Amino acid sequence: MTLLSETKLILNKNKISLIPKRGQNFLINQEILNKIIEASNLKSSDIILEVGPGLGILTKELAKKVKKVIAVEIDKKLVSVLKNELKKFKNVEIIQEDILQFSIFNFQFSNYKIVANLPYNITSRVIKNFLENENSPKEMILMVQKEVAERITARQGKMSILGVACQFFADCEIVLLVDKNNFFPIPKVDSAIIKLKMKKEKGKTNNDKFFKIVKAGFSRKRKKLKSNLLKTLKIDKIKIDNVFEKIGLKENTRAQELSVQDWKSLTILLNNCV
């Protein structure tokens, strides 16, 4: 049975009506499913947190290879389906909860991985929540919207706050681009599998000050970086001029042109001003 046939069978059998606003689009290509598993580099000792398991097709493949899978699903009807579809897997725990409200502070596991086909309407918020958490995963292997994947892995000249944040906390790469026709129902956009591997050492950068400066730098998209920093942070112009000279930034530099290391340097040099 193909994944498409299996998906339709489960939906029809359980009389499930999909909710578009929850981004319920199910992967129906076995080769791409295998690629997610391969990229996850699973070990028998692994603890996996899966976000939005849907019908449990990825969950089954994960459960065959790891110690435990914690699957967090918001949809009550899908939770019922999951409990039935996964009843033979004793290493799967299903939690009905909004992942944005999920209390990672009470999560009893550390050194875990997140593997998920993320609902696209909450992708950035989910990634941000886990990156910034003290109990962050060691890796995240995620199916996300292609545009978001490109922002996360962007280089100087095309950086965004999301890209800076992800690359501050993790080494980020696109594993595979995925055409929209590999999902049911077919979404409006193409997707990508990305891998975020958490950095063990982020240096001595003050996170709060770092992101305060980054947000100030990106505060007005069409303005130059120096102008944004002056207006938002209320820093003396002479101080900003000196900092730009030390780092080697030009007068007309814009926020998207900086690397994560440039932002770290700014944070160090502006430490007493923010």
C-alpha atoms as a PDB file:
ATOM      1  CA  MET A   1       0.000   0.000   0.000  1.00  0.00           C
ATOM      2  CA  THR A   2       1.340   3.446  -0.912  1.00  0.00           C
ATOM      3  CA  LEU A   3       1.525   6.234   1.648  1.00  0.00           C
ATOM      4  CA  LEU A   4      -1.194   8.103  -0.250  1.00  0.00           C
ATOM      5  CA  SER A   5      -3.525   5.091  -0.096  1.00  0.00           C
ATOM      6  CA  GLU A   6      -2.728   4.540   3.571  1.00  0.00           C
ATOM      7  CA  THR A   7      -3.340   8.214   4.359  1.00  0.00           C
ATOM      8  CA  LYS A   8      -6.711   8.296   2.585  1.00  0.00           C
ATOM      9  CA  LEU A   9      -7.735   5.003   4.202  1.00  0.00           C
ATOM     10  CA  ILE A  10      -7.000   6.251   7.724  1.00  0.00           C
ATOM     11  CA  LEU A  11      -8.765   9.578   7.075  1.00  0.00           C
ATOM     12  CA  ASN A  12     -11.870   7.901   5.608  1.00  0.00           C
ATOM     13  CA  LYS A  13     -12.006   5.136   8.217  1.00  0.00           C
ATOM     14  CA  ASN A  14     -11.947   7.666  11.022  1.00  0.00           C
ATOM     15  CA  LYS A  15     -14.111  10.265   9.261  1.00  0.00           C
ATOM     16  CA  ILE A  16     -11.430  12.903   9.690  1.00  0.00           C
ATOM     17  CA  SER A  17     -12.020  16.342   8.183  1.00  0.00           C
ATOM     18  CA  LEU A  18      -8.782  18.256   7.811  1.00  0.00           C
ATOM     19  CA  ILE A  19      -8.403  21.719   9.323  1.00  0.00           C
ATOM     20  CA  PRO A  20      -6.495  23.964   6.856  1.00  0.00           C
ATOM     21  CA  LYS A  21      -5.466  26.530   9.488  1.00  0.00           C
ATOM     22  CA  ARG A  22      -3.518  23.811  11.304  1.00  0.00           C
ATOM     23  CA  GLY A  23      -1.417  23.065   8.242  1.00  0.00           C
ATOM     24  CA  GLN A  24      -2.533  19.449   8.009  1.00  0.00           C
ATOM     25  CA  ASN A  25      -0.711  18.263   4.885  1.00  0.00           C
ATOM     26  CA  PHE A  26       0.595  14.700   5.061  1.00  0.00           C
ATOM     27  CA  LEU A  27       3.767  13.417   3.415  1.00  0.00           C
ATOM     28  CA  ILE A  28       2.955  10.667   0.878  1.00  0.00           C
ATOM     29  CA  ASN A  29       6.374   9.887  -0.603  1.00  0.00           C
ATOM     30  CA  GLN A  30       8.180   6.932   0.989  1.00  0.00           C
ATOM     31  CA  GLU A  31      11.575   7.964  -0.375  1.00  0.00           C
ATOM     32  CA  ILE A  32      11.330  11.378   1.289  1.00  0.00           C
ATOM     33  CA  LEU A  33      10.152   9.752   4.511  1.00  0.00           C
ATOM     34  CA  ASN A  34      13.259   7.569   4.349  1.00  0.00           C
ATOM     35  CA  LYS A  35      15.376  10.682   3.804  1.00  0.00           C
ATOM     36  CA  ILE A  36      14.031  12.223   7.022  1.00  0.00           C
ATOM     37  CA  ILE A  37      14.924   9.052   8.904  1.00  0.00           C
ATOM     38  CA  GLU A  38      18.377   8.970   7.319  1.00  0.00           C
ATOM     39  CA  ALA A  39      19.064  12.637   8.159  1.00  0.00           C
ATOM     40  CA  SER A  40      18.013  12.009  11.764  1.00  0.00           C
ATOM     41  CA  ASN A  41      20.904   9.548  12.246  1.00  0.00           C
ATOM     42  CA  LEU A  42      18.824   7.599  14.739  1.00  0.00           C
ATOM     43  CA  LYS A  43      20.256   5.399  17.473  1.00  0.00           C
ATOM     44  CA  SER A  44      18.513   2.834  19.650  1.00  0.00           C
ATOM     45  CA  SER A  45      19.173   5.043  22.688  1.00  0.00           C
ATOM     46  CA  ASP A  46      17.591   8.185  21.186  1.00  0.00           C
ATOM     47  CA  ILE A  47      14.662  10.075  22.698  1.00  0.00           C
ATOM     48  CA  ILE A  48      12.604  11.781  19.977  1.00  0.00           C
ATOM     49  CA  LEU A  49      10.098  14.591  20.387  1.00  0.00           C
ATOM     50  CA  GLU A  50       7.778  14.691  17.375  1.00  0.00           C
ATOM     51  CA  VAL A  51       5.667  17.800  16.782  1.00  0.00           C
ATOM     52  CA  GLY A  52       2.356  17.360  14.971  1.00  0.00           C
ATOM     53  CA  PRO A  53       2.521  13.592  14.267  1.00  0.00           C
ATOM     54  CA  GLY A  54      -0.762  13.719  12.337  1.00  0.00           C
ATOM     55  CA  LEU A  55      -1.646  10.164  11.327  1.00  0.00           C
ATOM     56  CA  GLY A  56       1.492   8.632  12.804  1.00  0.00           C
ATOM     57  CA  ILE A  57       3.213   7.530   9.600  1.00  0.00           C
ATOM     58  CA  LEU A  58       6.548   9.148  10.524  1.00  0.00           C
ATOM     59  CA  THR A  59       5.993   8.176  14.166  1.00  0.00           C
ATOM     60  CA  LYS A  60       5.939   4.472  13.256  1.00  0.00           C
ATOM     61  CA  GLU A  61       9.262   4.701  11.439  1.00  0.00           C
ATOM     62  CA  LEU A  62      10.830   6.564  14.363  1.00  0.00           C
ATOM     63  CA  ALA A  63       9.470   4.109  16.934  1.00  0.00           C
ATOM     64  CA  LYS A  64      11.081   1.176  15.110  1.00  0.00           C
ATOM     65  CA  LYS A  65      14.543   2.660  15.612  1.00  0.00           C
ATOM     66  CA  VAL A  66      14.684   4.591  18.896  1.00  0.00           C
ATOM     67  CA  LYS A  67      14.194   4.150  22.626  1.00  0.00           C
ATOM     68  CA  LYS A  68      11.204   6.465  22.957  1.00  0.00           C
ATOM     69  CA  VAL A  69       9.023   8.824  20.900  1.00  0.00           C
ATOM     70  CA  ILE A  70       7.003  11.581  22.548  1.00  0.00           C
ATOM     71  CA  ALA A  71       4.409  12.739  20.006  1.00  0.00           C
ATOM     72  CA  VAL A  72       2.650  16.055  20.719  1.00  0.00           C
ATOM     73  CA  GLU A  73      -0.569  16.586  18.753  1.00  0.00           C
ATOM     74  CA  ILE A  74      -3.135  19.363  19.244  1.00  0.00           C
ATOM     75  CA  ASP A  75      -6.037  17.806  17.311  1.00  0.00           C
ATOM     76  CA  LYS A  76      -8.261  15.667  19.564  1.00  0.00           C
ATOM     77  CA  LYS A  77      -9.520  13.505  16.697  1.00  0.00           C
ATOM     78  CA  LEU A  78      -6.015  12.831  15.434  1.00  0.00           C
ATOM     79  CA  VAL A  79      -4.919  11.872  18.957  1.00  0.00           C
ATOM     80  CA  SER A  80      -7.626   9.212  18.924  1.00  0.00           C
ATOM     81  CA  VAL A  81      -6.389   7.970  15.535  1.00  0.00           C
ATOM     82  CA  LEU A  82      -2.782   7.941  16.759  1.00  0.00           C
ATOM     83  CA  LYS A  83      -3.636   5.877  19.832  1.00  0.00           C
ATOM     84  CA  ASN A  84      -5.252   3.282  17.599  1.00  0.00           C
ATOM     85  CA  GLU A  85      -2.635   3.286  14.830  1.00  0.00           C
ATOM     86  CA  LEU A  86       0.288   3.151  17.259  1.00  0.00           C
ATOM     87  CA  LYS A  87      -1.124   0.820  19.928  1.00  0.00           C
ATOM     88  CA  LYS A  88       1.438  -1.901  19.201  1.00  0.00           C
ATOM     89  CA  PHE A  89       4.338   0.487  19.838  1.00  0.00           C
ATOM     90  CA  LYS A  90       5.012   0.496  23.586  1.00  0.00           C
ATOM     91  CA  ASN A  91       7.755   3.125  23.238  1.00  0.00           C
ATOM     92  CA  VAL A  92       5.422   5.851  21.949  1.00  0.00           C
ATOM     93  CA  GLU A  93       3.821   8.399  24.271  1.00  0.00           C
ATOM     94  CA  ILE A  94       1.066  10.547  22.771  1.00  0.00           C
ATOM     95  CA  ILE A  95       0.335  13.929  24.340  1.00  0.00           C
ATOM     96  CA  GLN A  96      -2.651  16.058  23.338  1.00  0.00           C
ATOM     97  CA  GLU A  97      -1.376  19.607  23.660  1.00  0.00           C
ATOM     98  CA  ASP A  98      -0.554  22.750  21.717  1.00  0.00           C
ATOM     99  CA  ILE A  99       3.215  22.565  21.159  1.00  0.00           C
ATOM    100  CA  LEU A 100       3.396  26.338  21.676  1.00  0.00           C
ATOM    101  CA  GLN A 101       2.091  25.755  25.211  1.00  0.00           C
ATOM    102  CA  PHE A 102       4.104  22.595  25.804  1.00  0.00           C
ATOM    103  CA  SER A 103       6.076  22.897  29.030  1.00  0.00           C
ATOM    104  CA  ILE A 104       9.588  21.965  27.999  1.00  0.00           C
ATOM    105  CA  PHE A 105      10.679  22.955  31.516  1.00  0.00           C
ATOM    106  CA  ASN A 106       8.836  19.890  32.817  1.00  0.00           C
ATOM    107  CA  PHE A 107      10.103  17.711  29.990  1.00  0.00           C
ATOM    108  CA  GLN A 108      11.907  14.918  31.793  1.00  0.00           C
ATOM    109  CA  PHE A 109      14.420  14.190  29.035  1.00  0.00           C
ATOM    110  CA  SER A 110      17.610  15.954  27.998  1.00  0.00           C
ATOM    111  CA  ASN A 111      19.911  15.184  25.085  1.00  0.00           C
ATOM    112  CA  TYR A 112      16.888  14.552  22.875  1.00  0.00           C
ATOM    113  CA  LYS A 113      16.128  15.233  19.203  1.00  0.00           C
ATOM    114  CA  ILE A 114      13.132  16.811  17.503  1.00  0.00           C
ATOM    115  CA  VAL A 115      11.995  15.164  14.273  1.00  0.00           C
ATOM    116  CA  ALA A 116       8.871  16.610  12.703  1.00  0.00           C
ATOM    117  CA  ASN A 117       6.878  17.657   9.680  1.00  0.00           C
ATOM    118  CA  LEU A 118       6.027  21.028  11.233  1.00  0.00           C
ATOM    119  CA  PRO A 119       2.701  22.779  10.650  1.00  0.00           C
ATOM    120  CA  TYR A 120       3.861  25.708   8.532  1.00  0.00           C
ATOM    121  CA  ASN A 121       1.767  28.330  10.312  1.00  0.00           C
ATOM    122  CA  ILE A 122       3.750  27.862  13.551  1.00  0.00           C
ATOM    123  CA  THR A 123       7.186  26.896  12.196  1.00  0.00           C
ATOM    124  CA  SER A 124       9.136  29.997  13.245  1.00  0.00           C
ATOM    125  CA  ARG A 125       7.600  30.110  16.712  1.00  0.00           C
ATOM    126  CA  VAL A 126       8.277  26.416  17.377  1.00  0.00           C
ATOM    127  CA  ILE A 127      11.900  26.691  16.261  1.00  0.00           C
ATOM    128  CA  LYS A 128      12.423  29.878  18.300  1.00  0.00           C
ATOM    129  CA  ASN A 129      10.897  28.354  21.443  1.00  0.00           C
ATOM    130  CA  PHE A 130      13.176  25.322  21.372  1.00  0.00           C
ATOM    131  CA  LEU A 131      16.333  27.129  20.300  1.00  0.00           C
ATOM    132  CA  GLU A 132      16.108  29.593  23.160  1.00  0.00           C
ATOM    133  CA  ASN A 133      15.180  27.056  25.820  1.00  0.00           C
ATOM    134  CA  GLU A 134      17.731  25.861  28.358  1.00  0.00           C
ATOM    135  CA  ASN A 135      16.623  22.289  27.680  1.00  0.00           C
ATOM    136  CA  SER A 136      17.015  22.612  23.913  1.00  0.00           C
ATOM    137  CA  PRO A 137      17.305  19.498  21.721  1.00  0.00           C
ATOM    138  CA  LYS A 138      20.702  18.390  20.459  1.00  0.00           C
ATOM    139  CA  GLU A 139      19.324  18.307  16.908  1.00  0.00           C
ATOM    140  CA  MET A 140      16.201  19.269  15.001  1.00  0.00           C
ATOM    141  CA  ILE A 141      15.355  17.557  11.722  1.00  0.00           C
ATOM    142  CA  LEU A 142      12.351  19.361  10.309  1.00  0.00           C
ATOM    143  CA  MET A 143      10.170  19.553   7.229  1.00  0.00           C
ATOM    144  CA  VAL A 144       9.440  23.239   6.730  1.00  0.00           C
ATOM    145  CA  GLN A 145       8.296  25.621   4.023  1.00  0.00           C
ATOM    146  CA  LYS A 146      11.056  26.083   1.422  1.00  0.00           C
ATOM    147  CA  GLU A 147      11.100  29.863   1.888  1.00  0.00           C
ATOM    148  CA  VAL A 148      11.597  29.446   5.648  1.00  0.00           C
ATOM    149  CA  ALA A 149      14.393  26.917   5.073  1.00  0.00           C
ATOM    150  CA  GLU A 150      16.161  29.405   2.817  1.00  0.00           C
ATOM    151  CA  ARG A 151      15.832  32.156   5.446  1.00  0.00           C
ATOM    152  CA  ILE A 152      17.199  29.881   8.173  1.00  0.00           C
ATOM    153  CA  THR A 153      20.258  28.883   6.121  1.00  0.00           C
ATOM    154  CA  ALA A 154      20.813  32.276   4.425  1.00  0.00           C
ATOM    155  CA  ARG A 155      24.252  33.827   4.059  1.00  0.00           C
ATOM    156  CA  GLN A 156      25.431  37.435   4.305  1.00  0.00           C
ATOM    157  CA  GLY A 157      23.411  39.686   2.055  1.00  0.00           C
ATOM    158  CA  LYS A 158      20.163  37.791   2.637  1.00  0.00           C
ATOM    159  CA  MET A 159      20.108  37.412   6.410  1.00  0.00           C
ATOM    160  CA  SER A 160      16.988  37.921   8.537  1.00  0.00           C
ATOM    161  CA  ILE A 161      16.294  37.851  12.269  1.00  0.00           C
ATOM    162  CA  LEU A 162      15.229  34.206  11.907  1.00  0.00           C
ATOM    163  CA  GLY A 163      18.453  33.326  10.091  1.00  0.00           C
ATOM    164  CA  VAL A 164      20.626  35.122  12.640  1.00  0.00           C
ATOM    165  CA  ALA A 165      18.804  33.456  15.552  1.00  0.00           C
ATOM    166  CA  CYS A 166      19.016  29.945  14.108  1.00  0.00           C
ATOM    167  CA  GLN A 167      22.666  30.292  13.143  1.00  0.00           C
ATOM    168  CA  PHE A 168      23.524  31.782  16.535  1.00  0.00           C
ATOM    169  CA  PHE A 169      22.305  28.649  18.278  1.00  0.00           C
ATOM    170  CA  ALA A 170      22.904  25.963  15.643  1.00  0.00           C
ATOM    171  CA  ASP A 171      24.706  24.805  12.533  1.00  0.00           C
ATOM    172  CA  CYS A 172      21.978  24.874   9.883  1.00  0.00           C
ATOM    173  CA  GLU A 173      21.702  23.066   6.560  1.00  0.00           C
ATOM    174  CA  ILE A 174      19.107  22.175   3.944  1.00  0.00           C
ATOM    175  CA  VAL A 175      19.079  18.398   3.518  1.00  0.00           C
ATOM    176  CA  LEU A 176      16.594  18.161   0.640  1.00  0.00           C
ATOM    177  CA  LEU A 177      14.151  20.334  -1.287  1.00  0.00           C
ATOM    178  CA  VAL A 178      10.691  18.738  -1.481  1.00  0.00           C
ATOM    179  CA  ASP A 179       8.096  19.477  -4.160  1.00  0.00           C
ATOM    180  CA  LYS A 180       4.580  20.284  -2.913  1.00  0.00           C
ATOM    181  CA  ASN A 181       3.135  17.351  -4.877  1.00  0.00           C
ATOM    182  CA  ASN A 182       4.626  14.983  -2.307  1.00  0.00           C
ATOM    183  CA  PHE A 183       1.899  15.941   0.184  1.00  0.00           C
ATOM    184  CA  PHE A 184      -1.825  15.290   0.594  1.00  0.00           C
ATOM    185  CA  PRO A 185      -3.695  17.549   0.346  1.00  0.00           C
ATOM    186  CA  ILE A 186      -1.274  19.428  -1.924  1.00  0.00           C
ATOM    187  CA  PRO A 187      -0.182  22.662  -0.184  1.00  0.00           C
ATOM    188  CA  LYS A 188       0.401  25.946  -1.996  1.00  0.00           C
ATOM    189  CA  VAL A 189       4.170  25.957  -1.397  1.00  0.00           C
ATOM    190  CA  ASP A 190       7.195  23.699  -1.777  1.00  0.00           C
ATOM    191  CA  SER A 191       9.026  22.398   1.264  1.00  0.00           C
ATOM    192  CA  ALA A 192      12.474  21.433   2.479  1.00  0.00           C
ATOM    193  CA  ILE A 193      14.029  19.139   5.047  1.00  0.00           C
ATOM    194  CA  ILE A 194      16.405  21.085   7.274  1.00  0.00           C
ATOM    195  CA  LYS A 195      18.799  19.991   9.983  1.00  0.00           C
ATOM    196  CA  LEU A 196      19.757  22.186  12.937  1.00  0.00           C
ATOM    197  CA  LYS A 197      22.582  20.855  15.080  1.00  0.00           C
ATOM    198  CA  MET A 198      22.924  22.763  18.333  1.00  0.00           C
ATOM    199  CA  LYS A 199      26.265  24.420  18.993  1.00  0.00           C
ATOM    200  CA  LYS A 200      27.823  23.172  22.210  1.00  0.00           C
ATOM    201  CA  GLU A 201      29.613  26.449  22.835  1.00  0.00           C
ATOM    202  CA  LYS A 202      28.208  29.839  21.794  1.00  0.00           C
ATOM    203  CA  GLY A 203      30.996  31.831  23.422  1.00  0.00           C
ATOM    204  CA  LYS A 204      30.579  34.523  26.041  1.00  0.00           C
ATOM    205  CA  THR A 205      27.978  36.557  24.168  1.00  0.00           C
ATOM    206  CA  ASN A 206      25.171  37.943  26.321  1.00  0.00           C
ATOM    207  CA  ASN A 207      22.069  36.495  24.635  1.00  0.00           C
ATOM    208  CA  ASP A 208      19.672  39.241  25.754  1.00  0.00           C
ATOM    209  CA  LYS A 209      21.953  42.023  24.573  1.00  0.00           C
ATOM    210  CA  PHE A 210      22.794  40.148  21.367  1.00  0.00           C
ATOM    211  CA  PHE A 211      19.152  39.851  20.313  1.00  0.00           C
ATOM    212  CA  LYS A 212      18.299  43.366  21.461  1.00  0.00           C
ATOM    213  CA  ILE A 213      20.959  44.675  19.062  1.00  0.00           C
ATOM    214  CA  VAL A 214      19.877  42.315  16.261  1.00  0.00           C
ATOM    215  CA  LYS A 215      16.239  43.384  16.577  1.00  0.00           C
ATOM    216  CA  ALA A 216      17.305  47.030  16.566  1.00  0.00           C
ATOM    217  CA  GLY A 217      19.399  46.454  13.450  1.00  0.00           C
ATOM    218  CA  PHE A 218      16.469  44.911  11.582  1.00  0.00           C
ATOM    219  CA  SER A 219      13.867  47.333  13.008  1.00  0.00           C
ATOM    220  CA  ARG A 220      13.363  49.237   9.739  1.00  0.00           C
ATOM    221  CA  LYS A 221      13.963  47.097   6.666  1.00  0.00           C
ATOM    222  CA  ARG A 222      14.717  49.897   4.222  1.00  0.00           C
ATOM    223  CA  LYS A 223      17.057  51.815   6.504  1.00  0.00           C
ATOM    224  CA  LYS A 224      20.801  51.444   6.969  1.00  0.00           C
ATOM    225  CA  LEU A 225      22.100  49.522   9.972  1.00  0.00           C
ATOM    226  CA  LYS A 226      23.737  52.556  11.583  1.00  0.00           C
ATOM    227  CA  SER A 227      20.534  54.578  11.334  1.00  0.00           C
ATOM    228  CA  ASN A 228      18.506  51.780  12.949  1.00  0.00           C
ATOM    229  CA  LEU A 229      20.959  51.359  15.822  1.00  0.00           C
ATOM    230  CA  LEU A 230      21.083  55.100  16.488  1.00  0.00           C
ATOM    231  CA  LYS A 231      17.306  55.519  16.450  1.00  0.00           C
ATOM    232  CA  THR A 232      16.358  52.372  18.377  1.00  0.00           C
ATOM    233  CA  LEU A 233      19.168  52.061  20.929  1.00  0.00           C
ATOM    234  CA  LYS A 234      19.769  55.811  21.435  1.00  0.00           C
ATOM    235  CA  ILE A 235      23.541  55.339  21.297  1.00  0.00           C
ATOM    236  CA  ASP A 236      25.930  58.231  20.766  1.00  0.00           C
ATOM    237  CA  LYS A 237      26.844  58.581  17.074  1.00  0.00           C
ATOM    238  CA  ILE A 238      30.567  58.868  17.799  1.00  0.00           C
ATOM    239  CA  LYS A 239      30.424  55.552  19.674  1.00  0.00           C
ATOM    240  CA  ILE A 240      28.633  53.874  16.744  1.00  0.00           C
ATOM    241  CA  ASP A 241      31.135  55.343  14.267  1.00  0.00           C
ATOM    242  CA  ASN A 242      34.043  53.951  16.282  1.00  0.00           C
ATOM    243  CA  VAL A 243      32.454  50.523  16.569  1.00  0.00           C
ATOM    244  CA  PHE A 244      31.768  50.352  12.824  1.00  0.00           C
ATOM    245  CA  GLU A 245      35.394  51.274  12.133  1.00  0.00           C
ATOM    246  CA  LYS A 246      36.742  48.581  14.476  1.00  0.00           C
ATOM    247  CA  ILE A 247      34.586  45.862  12.908  1.00  0.00           C
ATOM    248  CA  GLY A 248      35.174  47.116   9.375  1.00  0.00           C
ATOM    249  CA  LEU A 249      31.545  47.926   8.581  1.00  0.00           C
ATOM    250  CA  LYS A 250      30.808  50.523   5.926  1.00  0.00           C
ATOM    251  CA  GLU A 251      28.613  53.593   6.394  1.00  0.00           C
ATOM    252  CA  ASN A 252      25.854  52.192   4.161  1.00  0.00           C
ATOM    253  CA  THR A 253      25.897  48.634   5.582  1.00  0.00           C
ATOM    254  CA  ARG A 254      22.452  47.080   6.085  1.00  0.00           C
ATOM    255  CA  ALA A 255      21.446  44.481   8.673  1.00  0.00           C
ATOM    256  CA  GLN A 256      21.038  41.649   6.169  1.00  0.00           C
ATOM    257  CA  GLU A 257      24.700  41.969   5.196  1.00  0.00           C
ATOM    258  CA  LEU A 258      26.089  40.998   8.612  1.00  0.00           C
ATOM    259  CA  SER A 259      27.192  37.529   9.647  1.00  0.00           C
ATOM    260  CA  VAL A 260      26.437  36.079  13.073  1.00  0.00           C
ATOM    261  CA  GLN A 261      30.039  36.817  14.028  1.00  0.00           C
ATOM    262  CA  ASP A 262      29.563  40.478  13.036  1.00  0.00           C
ATOM    263  CA  TRP A 263      26.552  40.689  15.360  1.00  0.00           C
ATOM    264  CA  LYS A 264      28.588  39.102  18.155  1.00  0.00           C
ATOM    265  CA  SER A 265      31.314  41.690  17.633  1.00  0.00           C
ATOM    266  CA  LEU A 266      28.738  44.489  17.755  1.00  0.00           C
ATOM    267  CA  THR A 267      27.362  43.067  20.998  1.00  0.00           C
ATOM    268  CA  ILE A 268      30.793  42.980  22.618  1.00  0.00           C
ATOM    269  CA  LEU A 269      31.696  46.499  21.561  1.00  0.00           C
ATOM    270  CA  LEU A 270      28.285  47.978  22.451  1.00  0.00           C
ATOM    271  CA  ASN A 271      28.053  46.012  25.707  1.00  0.00           C
ATOM    272  CA  ASN A 272      27.999  49.076  27.964  1.00  0.00           C
ATOM    273  CA  CYS A 273      25.515  50.953  25.780  1.00  0.00           C
ATOM    274  CA  VAL A 274      22.524  48.560  25.765  1.00  0.00           C
END
